[in-house]
Amino acid sequence: MTYDTSLLASDYIHYVKAVQRQLGYEPHALRLARALDIRVRIGWANRCTPDHPDGPLMVVQPWHYGNTDVIRHEEAHILLWWSGLEAEIIAEFGEELGWRVVENLCQFAVGFLRITPSMLDQAVKRYGVSARAVKHLQKLSGADVRTAMNRLVYDDPRSCRAGFLLSGHYVSDVAQCNWGLPFRWLEEVPKPMRRFPSDANVSFLKLTPSQTLGVCWG
């Protein structure tokens, strides 16, 4: 095995972004499938066949047909197969663990397919790398706050960013890219701002009376 699997996520997302750029950053799941010449059919189970003799085929349950993340997840499987990385994963990790890695990567890519690079550029240009940028990404894409936060934090594997959600005084979610947060998932943090150095680039946004979003970069 010569492929460095530590590059899997960054190589895959680089491939996904290249495809998006080629197709004009289409955010609608079904229109993207058509642009990729992926046939979408209704069936009893969600699955895809990238190497179907008549061309790539996706089957989804009727209630998932449309501009849905299930469609995006299956598109991510086909893109991963096209990229050649799926074969590398199975060769390195074996069937059982390898397919778990494949599933996690494809679910990770859903946020990138839903929130396109053009959306992210617009949000960062307007609000910088901040909690408000995450909120703007939600508005543009209809994504939930966790998806939007992860999309901002993990956009560039070379950047130093992090995000977190607080439910009351407890950390309910974290995302970290080359930037270590001063607290852990599920930790009680009554006054999070005090945990950061005075010169830290940190922003907060109250989402609900009990939920707070934080974003940092450096």
Protein backbone atom coordinates (compact mmCIF):
# COMPACT_ATOMS: atom_id res chain seq x y z
CA MET A 1 0.00 0.00 0.00
CA THR A 2 1.60 3.27 -1.10
CA TYR A 3 -1.28 5.71 -0.54
CA ASP A 4 -1.08 7.84 2.62
CA THR A 5 -4.51 7.34 4.19
CA SER A 6 -4.06 10.40 6.43
CA LEU A 7 -4.82 12.38 3.26
CA LEU A 8 -8.13 10.61 2.58
CA ALA A 9 -10.52 13.32 3.75
CA SER A 10 -8.58 16.21 2.19
CA ASP A 11 -8.06 14.38 -1.13
CA TYR A 12 -11.71 13.39 -1.33
CA ILE A 13 -13.02 16.87 -0.55
CA HIS A 14 -10.57 18.33 -3.07
CA TYR A 15 -12.07 15.97 -5.67
CA VAL A 16 -15.64 16.88 -4.67
CA LYS A 17 -14.88 20.59 -4.96
CA ALA A 18 -13.27 20.08 -8.38
CA VAL A 19 -16.43 18.34 -9.61
CA GLN A 20 -18.61 21.12 -8.16
CA ARG A 21 -16.51 23.77 -9.86
CA GLN A 22 -16.85 21.95 -13.19
CA LEU A 23 -20.64 21.89 -12.80
CA GLY A 24 -21.08 25.50 -11.69
CA TYR A 25 -21.59 24.75 -7.97
CA GLU A 26 -25.04 23.22 -8.38
CA PRO A 27 -26.56 22.87 -4.86
CA HIS A 28 -29.79 21.05 -5.78
CA ALA A 29 -29.37 17.31 -5.23
CA LEU A 30 -31.45 16.09 -8.18
CA ARG A 31 -30.11 18.66 -10.63
CA LEU A 32 -26.59 17.67 -9.59
CA ALA A 33 -27.42 14.01 -10.25
CA ARG A 34 -28.65 14.89 -13.74
CA ALA A 35 -25.52 16.95 -14.41
CA LEU A 36 -23.42 13.94 -13.37
CA ASP A 37 -25.50 11.60 -15.59
CA ILE A 38 -26.58 9.60 -12.55
CA ARG A 39 -29.94 7.89 -13.01
CA VAL A 40 -32.21 8.18 -9.96
CA ARG A 41 -34.93 5.57 -9.41
CA ILE A 42 -37.46 4.86 -6.66
CA GLY A 43 -37.06 1.61 -4.73
CA TRP A 44 -37.32 -0.14 -1.37
CA ALA A 45 -33.81 0.68 -0.14
CA ASN A 46 -31.31 3.50 -0.58
CA ARG A 47 -28.32 2.32 -2.59
CA CYS A 48 -26.17 3.14 -5.58
CA THR A 49 -24.32 1.23 -8.29
CA PRO A 50 -21.50 3.39 -9.68
CA ASP A 51 -20.34 0.69 -12.11
CA HIS A 52 -23.75 -0.28 -13.52
CA PRO A 53 -23.33 -1.34 -17.18
CA ASP A 54 -25.87 1.28 -18.28
CA GLY A 55 -24.19 4.05 -16.29
CA PRO A 56 -24.24 5.04 -12.60
CA LEU A 57 -27.55 4.26 -10.90
CA MET A 58 -29.02 5.46 -7.62
CA VAL A 59 -32.10 3.98 -5.94
CA VAL A 60 -33.84 5.84 -3.11
CA GLN A 61 -36.99 5.33 -1.09
CA PRO A 62 -39.88 7.49 -2.34
CA TRP A 63 -39.89 9.79 0.69
CA HIS A 64 -36.22 10.63 0.04
CA TYR A 65 -36.70 11.54 -3.61
CA GLY A 66 -36.03 15.25 -4.15
CA ASN A 67 -33.53 17.81 -2.94
CA THR A 68 -32.52 15.65 0.04
CA ASP A 69 -29.38 14.70 1.91
CA VAL A 70 -30.07 11.03 1.17
CA ILE A 71 -29.64 11.80 -2.54
CA ARG A 72 -26.45 13.71 -1.69
CA HIS A 73 -25.15 10.79 0.37
CA GLU A 74 -25.58 8.40 -2.54
CA GLU A 75 -23.98 10.95 -4.89
CA ALA A 76 -21.05 11.08 -2.48
CA HIS A 77 -20.67 7.29 -2.80
CA ILE A 78 -20.52 7.55 -6.57
CA LEU A 79 -18.02 10.41 -6.43
CA LEU A 80 -15.85 8.44 -4.00
CA TRP A 81 -15.87 5.46 -6.35
CA TRP A 82 -15.03 7.68 -9.34
CA SER A 83 -12.15 9.27 -7.43
CA GLY A 84 -10.48 5.87 -6.96
CA LEU A 85 -10.27 6.42 -3.20
CA GLU A 86 -12.87 3.78 -2.35
CA ALA A 87 -10.57 1.07 -3.71
CA GLU A 88 -7.66 2.50 -1.69
CA ILE A 89 -9.78 2.44 1.48
CA ILE A 90 -10.88 -1.17 1.08
CA ALA A 91 -7.34 -2.28 0.20
CA GLU A 92 -5.92 -0.57 3.29
CA PHE A 93 -8.58 -1.32 5.92
CA GLY A 94 -10.30 -4.46 4.64
CA GLU A 95 -13.99 -4.97 3.94
CA GLU A 96 -15.56 -4.51 7.39
CA LEU A 97 -13.64 -1.46 8.64
CA GLY A 98 -13.17 -0.10 5.13
CA TRP A 99 -16.90 0.21 4.49
CA ARG A 100 -17.31 2.08 7.78
CA VAL A 101 -14.66 4.55 6.60
CA VAL A 102 -16.46 4.85 3.26
CA GLU A 103 -19.80 5.56 4.97
CA ASN A 104 -18.26 8.18 7.26
CA LEU A 105 -16.52 9.94 4.38
CA CYS A 106 -19.70 10.02 2.30
CA GLN A 107 -21.73 11.40 5.18
CA PHE A 108 -19.01 14.01 5.75
CA ALA A 109 -19.25 15.03 2.08
CA VAL A 110 -23.00 15.68 2.31
CA GLY A 111 -22.35 19.06 3.93
CA PHE A 112 -19.99 20.01 1.09
CA LEU A 113 -22.56 19.04 -1.55
CA ARG A 114 -25.32 20.94 0.24
CA ILE A 115 -23.24 24.03 1.11
CA THR A 116 -21.25 24.82 -2.01
CA PRO A 117 -17.92 26.69 -2.09
CA SER A 118 -19.72 29.71 -3.55
CA MET A 119 -22.07 29.80 -0.55
CA LEU A 120 -19.15 29.54 1.85
CA ASP A 121 -17.24 32.30 0.06
CA GLN A 122 -20.29 34.56 0.30
CA ALA A 123 -20.72 33.92 4.03
CA VAL A 124 -17.03 34.46 4.87
CA LYS A 125 -16.81 37.58 2.71
CA ARG A 126 -19.76 39.05 4.59
CA TYR A 127 -19.09 37.88 8.16
CA GLY A 128 -15.54 36.50 8.24
CA VAL A 129 -14.81 33.18 9.93
CA SER A 130 -17.41 33.63 12.64
CA ALA A 131 -20.55 32.31 14.27
CA ARG A 132 -22.59 34.70 12.11
CA ALA A 133 -21.08 33.13 9.00
CA VAL A 134 -22.41 29.75 10.16
CA LYS A 135 -25.86 31.27 10.64
CA HIS A 136 -25.68 32.76 7.15
CA LEU A 137 -24.74 29.36 5.70
CA GLN A 138 -27.86 27.93 7.33
CA LYS A 139 -29.95 30.64 5.68
CA LEU A 140 -28.41 30.04 2.25
CA SER A 141 -28.60 26.24 2.31
CA GLY A 142 -31.32 25.24 4.76
CA ALA A 143 -28.78 23.06 6.58
CA ASP A 144 -28.88 22.48 10.33
CA VAL A 145 -26.41 24.34 12.53
CA ARG A 146 -24.11 21.33 13.03
CA THR A 147 -23.74 20.78 9.28
CA ALA A 148 -23.11 24.48 8.66
CA MET A 149 -20.56 24.67 11.50
CA ASN A 150 -18.66 21.62 10.22
CA ARG A 151 -18.71 23.00 6.69
CA LEU A 152 -17.03 26.23 7.80
CA VAL A 153 -14.51 24.58 10.11
CA TYR A 154 -13.39 21.79 7.76
CA ASP A 155 -13.44 23.74 4.49
CA ASP A 156 -9.65 23.84 4.16
CA PRO A 157 -7.56 21.09 5.84
CA ARG A 158 -4.65 23.56 6.07
CA SER A 159 -6.60 26.18 8.03
CA CYS A 160 -6.81 26.52 11.82
CA ARG A 161 -10.46 26.68 12.84
CA ALA A 162 -12.81 25.27 15.44
CA GLY A 163 -16.46 25.46 16.34
CA PHE A 164 -18.63 24.35 19.22
CA LEU A 165 -22.22 24.26 20.39
CA LEU A 166 -23.30 24.82 23.97
CA SER A 167 -26.54 23.45 25.34
CA GLY A 168 -26.96 25.43 28.51
CA HIS A 169 -23.54 25.21 30.16
CA TYR A 170 -22.56 21.93 28.49
CA VAL A 171 -20.61 21.39 25.27
CA SER A 172 -22.98 19.47 22.99
CA ASP A 173 -20.86 19.41 19.81
CA VAL A 174 -17.36 20.30 18.65
CA ALA A 175 -15.49 20.60 15.34
CA GLN A 176 -11.72 21.12 15.28
CA CYS A 177 -9.32 21.58 12.37
CA ASN A 178 -5.73 22.21 13.51
CA TRP A 179 -7.15 24.26 16.39
CA GLY A 180 -7.53 22.69 19.84
CA LEU A 181 -10.47 23.90 21.91
CA PRO A 182 -9.82 24.54 25.63
CA PHE A 183 -12.65 22.18 26.60
CA ARG A 184 -14.06 18.80 25.60
CA TRP A 185 -17.34 17.45 24.33
CA LEU A 186 -19.91 17.15 27.17
CA GLU A 187 -17.77 19.23 29.52
CA GLU A 188 -19.53 21.82 31.68
CA VAL A 189 -18.36 25.31 30.70
CA PRO A 190 -20.35 28.05 32.50
CA LYS A 191 -18.27 30.92 31.06
CA PRO A 192 -16.60 29.75 27.83
CA MET A 193 -15.03 33.11 26.94
CA ARG A 194 -12.80 32.89 30.00
CA ARG A 195 -11.25 29.69 28.64
CA PHE A 196 -9.71 31.51 25.65
CA PRO A 197 -6.65 33.79 25.59
CA SER A 198 -7.46 37.49 25.44
CA ASP A 199 -6.13 37.74 21.87
CA ALA A 200 -8.07 34.72 20.56
CA ASN A 201 -10.30 35.16 17.50
CA VAL A 202 -13.54 33.86 18.99
CA SER A 203 -17.13 34.79 18.22
CA PHE A 204 -20.36 33.72 19.90
CA LEU A 205 -23.97 33.72 18.76
CA LYS A 206 -27.03 32.92 20.84
CA LEU A 207 -29.21 30.62 18.73
CA THR A 208 -31.94 29.95 21.29
CA PRO A 209 -32.28 30.79 25.00
CA SER A 210 -30.43 27.55 25.78
CA GLN A 211 -28.14 27.06 22.76
CA THR A 212 -24.99 29.04 21.90
CA LEU A 213 -22.71 28.69 18.89
CA GLY A 214 -19.01 29.54 19.02
CA VAL A 215 -16.42 29.78 16.24
CA CYS A 216 -12.67 30.41 16.54
CA TRP A 217 -9.77 30.68 14.15
CA GLY A 218 -6.09 31.50 14.23
